[in-house]
Amino acid sequence: MAESRSRFLARALEWLRAGYPQGVPRQDYVALLGLLRRKLTEDEVRSIARGLAAGQVTEPITGQDIEAMISSTVLQEATPEDVVRVSAHLAAGGWPLADPPEA
């Protein structure tokens, strides 16, 4: 199970890098990480965020920057426009944004 989850996270990171070929713009991290939190654990979000930060080209961001975002309430402060923009990137690649219906 852990191995399949690890493969899933690696594929998710590859997909996000493909969706953001120039790197994730700094202003999109808040909404992106907030949306990922809906489907992933905190550790998984941190893992993906570190992977994305390592590949940043145009707007470098450090692991410390990301940890500060995750640890603070800033992830809850994305504007509706931010959420729409980032959701469009995620949906275009098939990321499951909708929560499953409750039984």
C-alpha atoms as a PDB file:
ATOM      1  CA  MET A   1       0.000   0.000   0.000  1.00  0.00           C
ATOM      2  CA  ALA A   2       2.758   2.468   0.933  1.00  0.00           C
ATOM      3  CA  GLU A   3       4.599   1.691  -2.288  1.00  0.00           C
ATOM      4  CA  SER A   4       1.526   2.371  -4.434  1.00  0.00           C
ATOM      5  CA  ARG A   5       0.913   5.634  -2.553  1.00  0.00           C
ATOM      6  CA  SER A   6       4.539   6.595  -3.123  1.00  0.00           C
ATOM      7  CA  ARG A   7       4.153   5.907  -6.850  1.00  0.00           C
ATOM      8  CA  PHE A   8       0.972   7.980  -6.868  1.00  0.00           C
ATOM      9  CA  LEU A   9       2.780  10.924  -5.250  1.00  0.00           C
ATOM     10  CA  ALA A  10       5.649  10.640  -7.749  1.00  0.00           C
ATOM     11  CA  ARG A  11       3.153  10.663 -10.638  1.00  0.00           C
ATOM     12  CA  ALA A  12       1.293  13.610  -9.085  1.00  0.00           C
ATOM     13  CA  LEU A  13       4.545  15.554  -8.823  1.00  0.00           C
ATOM     14  CA  GLU A  14       5.405  14.756 -12.462  1.00  0.00           C
ATOM     15  CA  TRP A  15       1.941  15.828 -13.532  1.00  0.00           C
ATOM     16  CA  LEU A  16       2.164  19.109 -11.595  1.00  0.00           C
ATOM     17  CA  ARG A  17       5.558  19.839 -13.136  1.00  0.00           C
ATOM     18  CA  ALA A  18       4.079  19.193 -16.580  1.00  0.00           C
ATOM     19  CA  GLY A  19       1.127  21.456 -15.784  1.00  0.00           C
ATOM     20  CA  TYR A  20       3.467  24.200 -14.604  1.00  0.00           C
ATOM     21  CA  PRO A  21       6.437  23.807 -16.996  1.00  0.00           C
ATOM     22  CA  GLN A  22       7.991  27.104 -15.878  1.00  0.00           C
ATOM     23  CA  GLY A  23       7.434  26.265 -12.223  1.00  0.00           C
ATOM     24  CA  VAL A  24       4.531  27.114  -9.964  1.00  0.00           C
ATOM     25  CA  PRO A  25       4.159  30.893  -9.669  1.00  0.00           C
ATOM     26  CA  ARG A  26       4.674  31.986  -6.074  1.00  0.00           C
ATOM     27  CA  GLN A  27       1.134  33.385  -5.910  1.00  0.00           C
ATOM     28  CA  ASP A  28      -0.317  29.980  -6.899  1.00  0.00           C
ATOM     29  CA  TYR A  29       1.279  28.027  -4.050  1.00  0.00           C
ATOM     30  CA  VAL A  30      -1.332  29.150  -1.537  1.00  0.00           C
ATOM     31  CA  ALA A  31      -4.263  27.899  -3.599  1.00  0.00           C
ATOM     32  CA  LEU A  32      -2.403  24.846  -4.935  1.00  0.00           C
ATOM     33  CA  LEU A  33      -1.376  23.570  -1.524  1.00  0.00           C
ATOM     34  CA  GLY A  34      -4.813  24.341  -0.127  1.00  0.00           C
ATOM     35  CA  LEU A  35      -6.463  22.305  -2.884  1.00  0.00           C
ATOM     36  CA  LEU A  36      -4.016  19.422  -2.487  1.00  0.00           C
ATOM     37  CA  ARG A  37      -4.828  19.307   1.232  1.00  0.00           C
ATOM     38  CA  ARG A  38      -8.355  18.251   0.319  1.00  0.00           C
ATOM     39  CA  LYS A  39      -7.095  14.907  -1.029  1.00  0.00           C
ATOM     40  CA  LEU A  40      -3.669  14.347   0.530  1.00  0.00           C
ATOM     41  CA  THR A  41      -2.223  14.041   4.009  1.00  0.00           C
ATOM     42  CA  GLU A  42      -0.068  16.811   5.459  1.00  0.00           C
ATOM     43  CA  ASP A  43       3.067  14.719   4.872  1.00  0.00           C
ATOM     44  CA  GLU A  44       2.063  14.111   1.254  1.00  0.00           C
ATOM     45  CA  VAL A  45       1.431  17.824   0.677  1.00  0.00           C
ATOM     46  CA  ARG A  46       4.848  18.620   2.150  1.00  0.00           C
ATOM     47  CA  SER A  47       6.498  15.987  -0.026  1.00  0.00           C
ATOM     48  CA  ILE A  48       4.942  17.342  -3.214  1.00  0.00           C
ATOM     49  CA  ALA A  49       5.669  20.937  -2.207  1.00  0.00           C
ATOM     50  CA  ARG A  50       9.338  20.133  -1.592  1.00  0.00           C
ATOM     51  CA  GLY A  51       9.511  18.392  -4.956  1.00  0.00           C
ATOM     52  CA  LEU A  52       7.968  21.375  -6.715  1.00  0.00           C
ATOM     53  CA  ALA A  53      10.278  23.806  -4.937  1.00  0.00           C
ATOM     54  CA  ALA A  54      13.314  21.800  -6.042  1.00  0.00           C
ATOM     55  CA  GLY A  55      12.312  22.305  -9.672  1.00  0.00           C
ATOM     56  CA  GLN A  56      11.514  26.013  -9.509  1.00  0.00           C
ATOM     57  CA  VAL A  57      13.206  27.954 -12.279  1.00  0.00           C
ATOM     58  CA  THR A  58      11.618  31.367 -12.645  1.00  0.00           C
ATOM     59  CA  GLU A  59      10.546  32.164  -9.084  1.00  0.00           C
ATOM     60  CA  PRO A  60      12.716  30.242  -6.624  1.00  0.00           C
ATOM     61  CA  ILE A  61      10.988  29.181  -3.441  1.00  0.00           C
ATOM     62  CA  THR A  62      12.644  27.355  -0.587  1.00  0.00           C
ATOM     63  CA  GLY A  63      11.486  24.498   1.561  1.00  0.00           C
ATOM     64  CA  GLN A  64      11.432  26.958   4.457  1.00  0.00           C
ATOM     65  CA  ASP A  65       9.055  29.205   2.487  1.00  0.00           C
ATOM     66  CA  ILE A  66       6.738  26.261   1.902  1.00  0.00           C
ATOM     67  CA  GLU A  67       6.883  25.091   5.510  1.00  0.00           C
ATOM     68  CA  ALA A  68       5.965  28.611   6.608  1.00  0.00           C
ATOM     69  CA  MET A  69       2.958  28.572   4.258  1.00  0.00           C
ATOM     70  CA  ILE A  70       1.829  25.146   5.454  1.00  0.00           C
ATOM     71  CA  SER A  71       2.307  25.973   9.133  1.00  0.00           C
ATOM     72  CA  SER A  72       0.435  29.253   8.977  1.00  0.00           C
ATOM     73  CA  THR A  73      -3.146  30.011   8.128  1.00  0.00           C
ATOM     74  CA  VAL A  74      -2.061  31.432   4.778  1.00  0.00           C
ATOM     75  CA  LEU A  75      -3.346  28.319   2.998  1.00  0.00           C
ATOM     76  CA  GLN A  76      -6.829  29.309   4.041  1.00  0.00           C
ATOM     77  CA  GLU A  77      -6.466  32.789   2.517  1.00  0.00           C
ATOM     78  CA  ALA A  78      -6.474  32.059  -1.203  1.00  0.00           C
ATOM     79  CA  THR A  79      -8.737  34.398  -3.117  1.00  0.00           C
ATOM     80  CA  PRO A  80     -11.587  32.955  -5.178  1.00  0.00           C
ATOM     81  CA  GLU A  81      -9.645  33.976  -8.300  1.00  0.00           C
ATOM     82  CA  ASP A  82      -6.575  32.072  -7.080  1.00  0.00           C
ATOM     83  CA  VAL A  83      -8.644  28.965  -6.436  1.00  0.00           C
ATOM     84  CA  VAL A  84     -10.288  29.154  -9.876  1.00  0.00           C
ATOM     85  CA  ARG A  85      -6.933  29.626 -11.648  1.00  0.00           C
ATOM     86  CA  VAL A  86      -5.201  26.772  -9.842  1.00  0.00           C
ATOM     87  CA  SER A  87      -8.275  24.537  -9.994  1.00  0.00           C
ATOM     88  CA  ALA A  88      -8.263  24.945 -13.780  1.00  0.00           C
ATOM     89  CA  HIS A  89      -4.649  23.694 -13.912  1.00  0.00           C
ATOM     90  CA  LEU A  90      -5.493  20.732 -11.703  1.00  0.00           C
ATOM     91  CA  ALA A  91      -8.715  19.847 -13.505  1.00  0.00           C
ATOM     92  CA  ALA A  92      -7.048  20.042 -16.918  1.00  0.00           C
ATOM     93  CA  GLY A  93      -4.759  17.246 -15.822  1.00  0.00           C
ATOM     94  CA  GLY A  94      -7.499  15.130 -14.294  1.00  0.00           C
ATOM     95  CA  TRP A  95      -6.864  15.855 -10.608  1.00  0.00           C
ATOM     96  CA  PRO A  96      -9.980  14.812  -8.617  1.00  0.00           C
ATOM     97  CA  LEU A  97     -11.132  18.149  -7.226  1.00  0.00           C
ATOM     98  CA  ALA A  98     -14.671  17.199  -6.301  1.00  0.00           C
ATOM     99  CA  ASP A  99     -15.136  15.502  -2.965  1.00  0.00           C
ATOM    100  CA  PRO A 100     -16.864  12.122  -3.228  1.00  0.00           C
ATOM    101  CA  PRO A 101     -20.518  12.158  -2.195  1.00  0.00           C
ATOM    102  CA  GLU A 102     -21.073  11.181   1.404  1.00  0.00           C
ATOM    103  CA  ALA A 103     -22.943   7.959   1.994  1.00  0.00           C
END
